[in-house]
Amino acid sequence: MKQSKHKLHYSICISGAAAGITVKKSHDAAVELGRAVAKAGQILTTGATVGLPYYAATAARQAGGVSIGFSPAASLIEHVRKYKLPYDCYDFVNFTGLHYVGRDLYLVQSSDALITIGGRFGSLHEFTSALEAGKPCGILIGSGGTADVIPSLMNLLEPPHKNLVVYDDDPDRLVAKMIEILDQKYIDLQKDIDKHNEHWFLDTVPPPPRSG
C-alpha cells in the first residue's frame, strides 16, 4: 500500500504462555516479536501478564513502541496483590474486572490481530476467540505449545476463517505478514481518510450556533 500521511496504527495482540516450558524456550522470540511490532509503528496488546506476553510488552516499550495491557483485575491493587501481575511495561493498563476468561475475550475484541507464541490452554482460548471473531491470526511455528499444535487442529476441525491464519518461524516476517493482511482489510478506510483528512469525522459535526 502507498505510504499515507495519516497511516492507520493497528493493535496487535501477542498471546503466549505465562508459565511452563515454552516461556524459557521462546523468550528470545517473544522479545523479537515485541520489537518488530514497535519498529513497525503498531500498538502491542497483551493480557497484562507474566511470561511470553511480558517479554514482548517490555521489548516493545524499550524499542519506543506503545504497550497496552488488559488485566483480569478490576483495579491496580487487585492486579498486583491478588493476581500478582506486572504493571511496569505498559503505557496503559485496562483493568477489565472480567477475570481471566472474560479478559481474554475483551483483549481479543480490542485488538486488530493476534499472534500466538508458545502457549497453553489460555493461549488456545484467545486464538479460537480471535478466529471466531474473524481476526487475522499469526502463528509462530517452532515456539512450542499451542503454537505448534494449532496447525494440526486447523486440519482436523474445519475452522472458520481458515484463510486468516498465517504461519512463519521468523518473528519479523510474521509481524510483516500480519500488517500486510491488516493493510488489505482496512484499505477502504485508509482511502477514505486519505481522501478527506485525519479529522474526517468532524465533517459530520454541525457548526456551533451563532450568538445573538
C-alpha atoms as a PDB file:
ATOM      1  CA  MET A   1       0.000   0.000   0.000  1.00  0.00           C
ATOM      2  CA  LYS A   2       1.232   3.541  -0.797  1.00  0.00           C
ATOM      3  CA  GLN A   3       2.578   5.269   2.286  1.00  0.00           C
ATOM      4  CA  SER A   4      -0.072   7.534   3.760  1.00  0.00           C
ATOM      5  CA  LYS A   5       0.347  10.780   5.647  1.00  0.00           C
ATOM      6  CA  HIS A   6      -2.389   9.613   8.000  1.00  0.00           C
ATOM      7  CA  LYS A   7      -1.347   5.987   8.367  1.00  0.00           C
ATOM      8  CA  LEU A   8      -3.529   3.743  10.479  1.00  0.00           C
ATOM      9  CA  HIS A   9      -1.985   2.172  13.554  1.00  0.00           C
ATOM     10  CA  TYR A  10      -3.029  -1.406  14.309  1.00  0.00           C
ATOM     11  CA  SER A  11      -3.243  -3.105  17.694  1.00  0.00           C
ATOM     12  CA  ILE A  12      -1.534  -6.496  17.545  1.00  0.00           C
ATOM     13  CA  CYS A  13      -2.040  -8.900  20.438  1.00  0.00           C
ATOM     14  CA  ILE A  14       0.835 -11.136  21.478  1.00  0.00           C
ATOM     15  CA  SER A  15      -0.681 -14.239  23.044  1.00  0.00           C
ATOM     16  CA  GLY A  16       1.535 -16.778  24.783  1.00  0.00           C
ATOM     17  CA  ALA A  17       2.245 -18.765  27.903  1.00  0.00           C
ATOM     18  CA  ALA A  18       2.573 -17.041  31.265  1.00  0.00           C
ATOM     19  CA  ALA A  19       4.416 -20.087  32.610  1.00  0.00           C
ATOM     20  CA  GLY A  20       5.607 -23.518  31.534  1.00  0.00           C
ATOM     21  CA  ILE A  21       8.260 -24.896  29.243  1.00  0.00           C
ATOM     22  CA  THR A  22       7.582 -22.594  26.295  1.00  0.00           C
ATOM     23  CA  VAL A  23       8.408 -19.490  28.345  1.00  0.00           C
ATOM     24  CA  LYS A  24      12.074 -20.416  28.558  1.00  0.00           C
ATOM     25  CA  LYS A  25      12.138 -21.938  25.069  1.00  0.00           C
ATOM     26  CA  SER A  26      10.675 -18.896  23.314  1.00  0.00           C
ATOM     27  CA  HIS A  27      11.866 -15.984  25.456  1.00  0.00           C
ATOM     28  CA  ASP A  28      14.075 -14.554  22.693  1.00  0.00           C
ATOM     29  CA  ALA A  29      11.358 -14.965  20.060  1.00  0.00           C
ATOM     30  CA  ALA A  30       8.876 -13.071  22.258  1.00  0.00           C
ATOM     31  CA  VAL A  31      11.365 -10.225  22.578  1.00  0.00           C
ATOM     32  CA  GLU A  32      11.794 -10.164  18.800  1.00  0.00           C
ATOM     33  CA  LEU A  33       8.023 -10.054  18.292  1.00  0.00           C
ATOM     34  CA  GLY A  34       7.676  -7.097  20.649  1.00  0.00           C
ATOM     35  CA  ARG A  35      10.461  -5.209  18.929  1.00  0.00           C
ATOM     36  CA  ALA A  36       9.053  -5.951  15.479  1.00  0.00           C
ATOM     37  CA  VAL A  37       5.604  -4.608  16.397  1.00  0.00           C
ATOM     38  CA  ALA A  38       7.126  -1.447  17.885  1.00  0.00           C
ATOM     39  CA  LYS A  39       9.511  -0.808  14.981  1.00  0.00           C
ATOM     40  CA  ALA A  40       6.619  -1.187  12.551  1.00  0.00           C
ATOM     41  CA  GLY A  41       4.835   1.640  14.375  1.00  0.00           C
ATOM     42  CA  GLN A  42       1.999  -0.567  15.604  1.00  0.00           C
ATOM     43  CA  ILE A  43       0.462  -0.948  19.077  1.00  0.00           C
ATOM     44  CA  LEU A  44       1.174  -4.074  21.107  1.00  0.00           C
ATOM     45  CA  THR A  45      -1.556  -5.532  23.320  1.00  0.00           C
ATOM     46  CA  THR A  46      -1.288  -8.378  25.815  1.00  0.00           C
ATOM     47  CA  GLY A  47      -3.155  -9.877  28.742  1.00  0.00           C
ATOM     48  CA  ALA A  48      -1.019  -7.801  31.129  1.00  0.00           C
ATOM     49  CA  THR A  49       0.530 -10.979  32.420  1.00  0.00           C
ATOM     50  CA  VAL A  50       3.929 -12.568  33.014  1.00  0.00           C
ATOM     51  CA  GLY A  51       5.895 -14.925  30.770  1.00  0.00           C
ATOM     52  CA  LEU A  52       5.991 -14.520  26.999  1.00  0.00           C
ATOM     53  CA  PRO A  53       3.478 -11.625  26.816  1.00  0.00           C
ATOM     54  CA  TYR A  54       5.530  -9.761  29.422  1.00  0.00           C
ATOM     55  CA  TYR A  55       8.752 -10.237  27.452  1.00  0.00           C
ATOM     56  CA  ALA A  56       7.064  -8.969  24.292  1.00  0.00           C
ATOM     57  CA  ALA A  57       5.493  -5.970  26.047  1.00  0.00           C
ATOM     58  CA  THR A  58       8.769  -4.998  27.699  1.00  0.00           C
ATOM     59  CA  ALA A  59      10.680  -5.259  24.419  1.00  0.00           C
ATOM     60  CA  ALA A  60       8.082  -3.191  22.564  1.00  0.00           C
ATOM     61  CA  ARG A  61       8.269  -0.394  25.083  1.00  0.00           C
ATOM     62  CA  GLN A  62      12.068  -0.446  25.175  1.00  0.00           C
ATOM     63  CA  ALA A  63      12.016  -0.128  21.379  1.00  0.00           C
ATOM     64  CA  GLY A  64       9.906   3.037  21.653  1.00  0.00           C
ATOM     65  CA  GLY A  65       6.555   1.398  20.931  1.00  0.00           C
ATOM     66  CA  VAL A  66       3.210   1.538  22.682  1.00  0.00           C
ATOM     67  CA  SER A  67       2.253  -1.320  25.006  1.00  0.00           C
ATOM     68  CA  ILE A  68      -1.279  -1.787  26.368  1.00  0.00           C
ATOM     69  CA  GLY A  69      -2.226  -4.471  28.892  1.00  0.00           C
ATOM     70  CA  PHE A  70      -5.672  -5.927  29.540  1.00  0.00           C
ATOM     71  CA  SER A  71      -5.833  -7.095  33.126  1.00  0.00           C
ATOM     72  CA  PRO A  72      -8.247  -9.632  34.623  1.00  0.00           C
ATOM     73  CA  ALA A  73      -8.325  -7.422  37.712  1.00  0.00           C
ATOM     74  CA  ALA A  74     -10.678  -4.547  38.489  1.00  0.00           C
ATOM     75  CA  SER A  75      -8.001  -2.248  39.914  1.00  0.00           C
ATOM     76  CA  LEU A  76      -4.255  -1.776  40.228  1.00  0.00           C
ATOM     77  CA  ILE A  77      -4.343  -3.063  43.804  1.00  0.00           C
ATOM     78  CA  GLU A  78      -6.126  -6.239  42.714  1.00  0.00           C
ATOM     79  CA  HIS A  79      -3.855  -6.575  39.682  1.00  0.00           C
ATOM     80  CA  VAL A  80      -0.722  -6.548  41.831  1.00  0.00           C
ATOM     81  CA  ARG A  81      -1.861  -8.157  45.082  1.00  0.00           C
ATOM     82  CA  LYS A  82      -4.480 -10.699  44.023  1.00  0.00           C
ATOM     83  CA  TYR A  83      -3.281 -11.678  40.552  1.00  0.00           C
ATOM     84  CA  LYS A  84       0.397 -10.821  41.157  1.00  0.00           C
ATOM     85  CA  LEU A  85       0.834  -9.377  37.672  1.00  0.00           C
ATOM     86  CA  PRO A  86       3.297  -6.753  36.359  1.00  0.00           C
ATOM     87  CA  TYR A  87       2.425  -3.155  35.531  1.00  0.00           C
ATOM     88  CA  ASP A  88       5.758  -1.546  34.705  1.00  0.00           C
ATOM     89  CA  CYS A  89       5.937  -2.388  30.990  1.00  0.00           C
ATOM     90  CA  TYR A  90       2.653  -0.812  29.887  1.00  0.00           C
ATOM     91  CA  ASP A  91       1.728   2.653  28.725  1.00  0.00           C
ATOM     92  CA  PHE A  92      -1.794   1.890  29.856  1.00  0.00           C
ATOM     93  CA  VAL A  93      -3.487  -0.977  31.702  1.00  0.00           C
ATOM     94  CA  ASN A  94      -7.183  -1.611  31.115  1.00  0.00           C
ATOM     95  CA  PHE A  95      -8.494  -3.087  34.354  1.00  0.00           C
ATOM     96  CA  THR A  96     -11.359  -5.139  32.933  1.00  0.00           C
ATOM     97  CA  GLY A  97     -12.547  -6.799  36.155  1.00  0.00           C
ATOM     98  CA  LEU A  98     -13.578  -9.762  33.995  1.00  0.00           C
ATOM     99  CA  HIS A  99     -11.211 -12.375  35.438  1.00  0.00           C
ATOM    100  CA  TYR A 100      -9.154 -14.463  33.015  1.00  0.00           C
ATOM    101  CA  VAL A 101     -11.861 -15.856  30.724  1.00  0.00           C
ATOM    102  CA  GLY A 102     -13.644 -12.540  30.228  1.00  0.00           C
ATOM    103  CA  ARG A 103     -10.341 -10.697  29.954  1.00  0.00           C
ATOM    104  CA  ASP A 104      -9.316 -12.974  27.078  1.00  0.00           C
ATOM    105  CA  LEU A 105     -12.408 -12.077  25.059  1.00  0.00           C
ATOM    106  CA  TYR A 106     -12.101  -8.364  25.812  1.00  0.00           C
ATOM    107  CA  LEU A 107      -8.427  -8.426  24.795  1.00  0.00           C
ATOM    108  CA  VAL A 108      -9.153 -10.190  21.514  1.00  0.00           C
ATOM    109  CA  GLN A 109     -12.066  -7.923  20.613  1.00  0.00           C
ATOM    110  CA  SER A 110      -9.928  -4.861  21.359  1.00  0.00           C
ATOM    111  CA  SER A 111      -7.116  -5.998  19.061  1.00  0.00           C
ATOM    112  CA  ASP A 112      -6.948  -5.900  15.261  1.00  0.00           C
ATOM    113  CA  ALA A 113      -4.923  -9.104  15.029  1.00  0.00           C
ATOM    114  CA  LEU A 114      -3.404 -11.811  17.211  1.00  0.00           C
ATOM    115  CA  ILE A 115      -0.063 -13.615  17.179  1.00  0.00           C
ATOM    116  CA  THR A 116       0.352 -16.869  19.111  1.00  0.00           C
ATOM    117  CA  ILE A 117       3.761 -17.789  20.502  1.00  0.00           C
ATOM    118  CA  GLY A 118       4.214 -20.909  22.609  1.00  0.00           C
ATOM    119  CA  GLY A 119       1.226 -21.085  24.898  1.00  0.00           C
ATOM    120  CA  ARG A 120      -1.091 -23.363  26.826  1.00  0.00           C
ATOM    121  CA  PHE A 121      -4.890 -23.572  27.098  1.00  0.00           C
ATOM    122  CA  GLY A 122      -5.280 -19.843  27.757  1.00  0.00           C
ATOM    123  CA  SER A 123      -3.487 -19.059  24.507  1.00  0.00           C
ATOM    124  CA  LEU A 124      -5.652 -21.585  22.701  1.00  0.00           C
ATOM    125  CA  HIS A 125      -8.743 -19.831  24.078  1.00  0.00           C
ATOM    126  CA  GLU A 126      -7.502 -16.491  22.791  1.00  0.00           C
ATOM    127  CA  PHE A 127      -6.673 -17.977  19.389  1.00  0.00           C
ATOM    128  CA  THR A 128     -10.067 -19.652  18.913  1.00  0.00           C
ATOM    129  CA  SER A 129     -11.849 -16.495  20.115  1.00  0.00           C
ATOM    130  CA  ALA A 130      -9.912 -14.389  17.617  1.00  0.00           C
ATOM    131  CA  LEU A 131     -10.586 -16.829  14.796  1.00  0.00           C
ATOM    132  CA  GLU A 132     -14.313 -16.957  15.530  1.00  0.00           C
ATOM    133  CA  ALA A 133     -14.344 -13.153  15.543  1.00  0.00           C
ATOM    134  CA  GLY A 134     -12.707 -13.027  12.114  1.00  0.00           C
ATOM    135  CA  LYS A 135      -9.434 -11.535  13.322  1.00  0.00           C
ATOM    136  CA  PRO A 136      -6.203 -12.246  11.407  1.00  0.00           C
ATOM    137  CA  CYS A 137      -4.110 -14.743  13.385  1.00  0.00           C
ATOM    138  CA  GLY A 138      -0.386 -15.341  13.124  1.00  0.00           C
ATOM    139  CA  ILE A 139       1.285 -18.497  14.438  1.00  0.00           C
ATOM    140  CA  LEU A 140       4.978 -18.506  15.341  1.00  0.00           C
ATOM    141  CA  ILE A 141       5.919 -22.031  14.312  1.00  0.00           C
ATOM    142  CA  GLY A 142       8.626 -23.725  16.351  1.00  0.00           C
ATOM    143  CA  SER A 143       7.832 -21.782  19.537  1.00  0.00           C
ATOM    144  CA  GLY A 144       6.245 -24.838  21.164  1.00  0.00           C
ATOM    145  CA  GLY A 145       2.980 -25.419  22.995  1.00  0.00           C
ATOM    146  CA  THR A 146      -0.218 -24.092  21.496  1.00  0.00           C
ATOM    147  CA  ALA A 147       1.516 -22.527  18.506  1.00  0.00           C
ATOM    148  CA  ASP A 148       2.818 -25.880  17.314  1.00  0.00           C
ATOM    149  CA  VAL A 149      -0.483 -27.680  17.963  1.00  0.00           C
ATOM    150  CA  ILE A 150      -2.662 -25.235  16.043  1.00  0.00           C
ATOM    151  CA  PRO A 151      -1.688 -26.442  12.517  1.00  0.00           C
ATOM    152  CA  SER A 152      -2.963 -29.951  13.322  1.00  0.00           C
ATOM    153  CA  LEU A 153      -6.167 -28.580  14.845  1.00  0.00           C
ATOM    154  CA  MET A 154      -6.764 -26.470  11.757  1.00  0.00           C
ATOM    155  CA  ASN A 155      -6.625 -29.597   9.591  1.00  0.00           C
ATOM    156  CA  LEU A 156      -8.857 -31.669  11.882  1.00  0.00           C
ATOM    157  CA  LEU A 157     -11.646 -29.298  12.916  1.00  0.00           C
ATOM    158  CA  GLU A 158     -12.653 -27.397   9.753  1.00  0.00           C
ATOM    159  CA  PRO A 159     -12.420 -23.990  11.436  1.00  0.00           C
ATOM    160  CA  PRO A 160     -13.976 -20.748  10.182  1.00  0.00           C
ATOM    161  CA  HIS A 161     -11.839 -18.084   8.517  1.00  0.00           C
ATOM    162  CA  LYS A 162      -9.035 -20.525   7.818  1.00  0.00           C
ATOM    163  CA  ASN A 163      -7.623 -18.101   5.266  1.00  0.00           C
ATOM    164  CA  LEU A 164      -6.953 -15.578   8.044  1.00  0.00           C
ATOM    165  CA  VAL A 165      -4.372 -17.811   9.737  1.00  0.00           C
ATOM    166  CA  VAL A 166      -0.750 -17.385   8.643  1.00  0.00           C
ATOM    167  CA  TYR A 167       2.373 -19.215   9.788  1.00  0.00           C
ATOM    168  CA  ASP A 168       6.047 -18.379   9.998  1.00  0.00           C
ATOM    169  CA  ASP A 169       9.051 -19.314  12.105  1.00  0.00           C
ATOM    170  CA  ASP A 170      10.575 -15.825  11.954  1.00  0.00           C
ATOM    171  CA  PRO A 171       9.117 -13.109  14.259  1.00  0.00           C
ATOM    172  CA  ASP A 172       9.905 -10.196  11.942  1.00  0.00           C
ATOM    173  CA  ARG A 173       8.403 -11.893   8.896  1.00  0.00           C
ATOM    174  CA  LEU A 174       5.317 -12.908  10.861  1.00  0.00           C
ATOM    175  CA  VAL A 175       4.666  -9.359  12.055  1.00  0.00           C
ATOM    176  CA  ALA A 176       5.164  -8.084   8.500  1.00  0.00           C
ATOM    177  CA  LYS A 177       2.639 -10.626   7.211  1.00  0.00           C
ATOM    178  CA  MET A 178       0.070  -9.541   9.806  1.00  0.00           C
ATOM    179  CA  ILE A 179       0.475  -5.891   8.864  1.00  0.00           C
ATOM    180  CA  GLU A 180       0.093  -6.739   5.178  1.00  0.00           C
ATOM    181  CA  ILE A 181      -3.190  -8.533   5.907  1.00  0.00           C
ATOM    182  CA  LEU A 182      -4.445  -5.616   8.015  1.00  0.00           C
ATOM    183  CA  ASP A 183      -3.478  -3.125   5.310  1.00  0.00           C
ATOM    184  CA  GLN A 184      -5.685  -5.044   2.887  1.00  0.00           C
ATOM    185  CA  LYS A 185      -8.506  -5.376   5.410  1.00  0.00           C
ATOM    186  CA  TYR A 186      -8.609  -1.649   6.091  1.00  0.00           C
ATOM    187  CA  ILE A 187      -7.688  -0.413   2.616  1.00  0.00           C
ATOM    188  CA  ASP A 188     -11.076   1.225   2.011  1.00  0.00           C
ATOM    189  CA  LEU A 189     -10.972   3.013   5.354  1.00  0.00           C
ATOM    190  CA  GLN A 190      -7.424   4.193   4.644  1.00  0.00           C
ATOM    191  CA  LYS A 191      -8.529   5.534   1.263  1.00  0.00           C
ATOM    192  CA  ASP A 192     -11.402   7.446   2.881  1.00  0.00           C
ATOM    193  CA  ILE A 193      -9.065   9.014   5.423  1.00  0.00           C
ATOM    194  CA  ASP A 194      -6.547   9.931   2.720  1.00  0.00           C
ATOM    195  CA  LYS A 195      -9.288  11.418   0.564  1.00  0.00           C
ATOM    196  CA  HIS A 196     -10.558  13.704   3.291  1.00  0.00           C
ATOM    197  CA  ASN A 197      -8.193  14.275   6.205  1.00  0.00           C
ATOM    198  CA  GLU A 198      -7.281  12.763   9.523  1.00  0.00           C
ATOM    199  CA  HIS A 199     -10.216  14.596  11.131  1.00  0.00           C
ATOM    200  CA  TRP A 200     -12.769  13.468   8.568  1.00  0.00           C
ATOM    201  CA  PHE A 201     -15.265  12.700  11.334  1.00  0.00           C
ATOM    202  CA  LEU A 202     -15.516  16.396  12.173  1.00  0.00           C
ATOM    203  CA  ASP A 203     -17.293  16.932   8.850  1.00  0.00           C
ATOM    204  CA  THR A 204     -20.369  15.300  10.380  1.00  0.00           C
ATOM    205  CA  VAL A 205     -20.443  17.666  13.363  1.00  0.00           C
ATOM    206  CA  PRO A 206     -22.760  20.685  12.866  1.00  0.00           C
ATOM    207  CA  PRO A 207     -21.182  24.120  13.369  1.00  0.00           C
ATOM    208  CA  PRO A 208     -21.804  25.866  16.705  1.00  0.00           C
ATOM    209  CA  PRO A 209     -24.842  28.170  16.792  1.00  0.00           C
ATOM    210  CA  ARG A 210     -24.278  31.837  16.162  1.00  0.00           C
ATOM    211  CA  SER A 211     -24.600  34.080  19.203  1.00  0.00           C
ATOM    212  CA  GLY A 212     -27.202  36.835  19.169  1.00  0.00           C
END
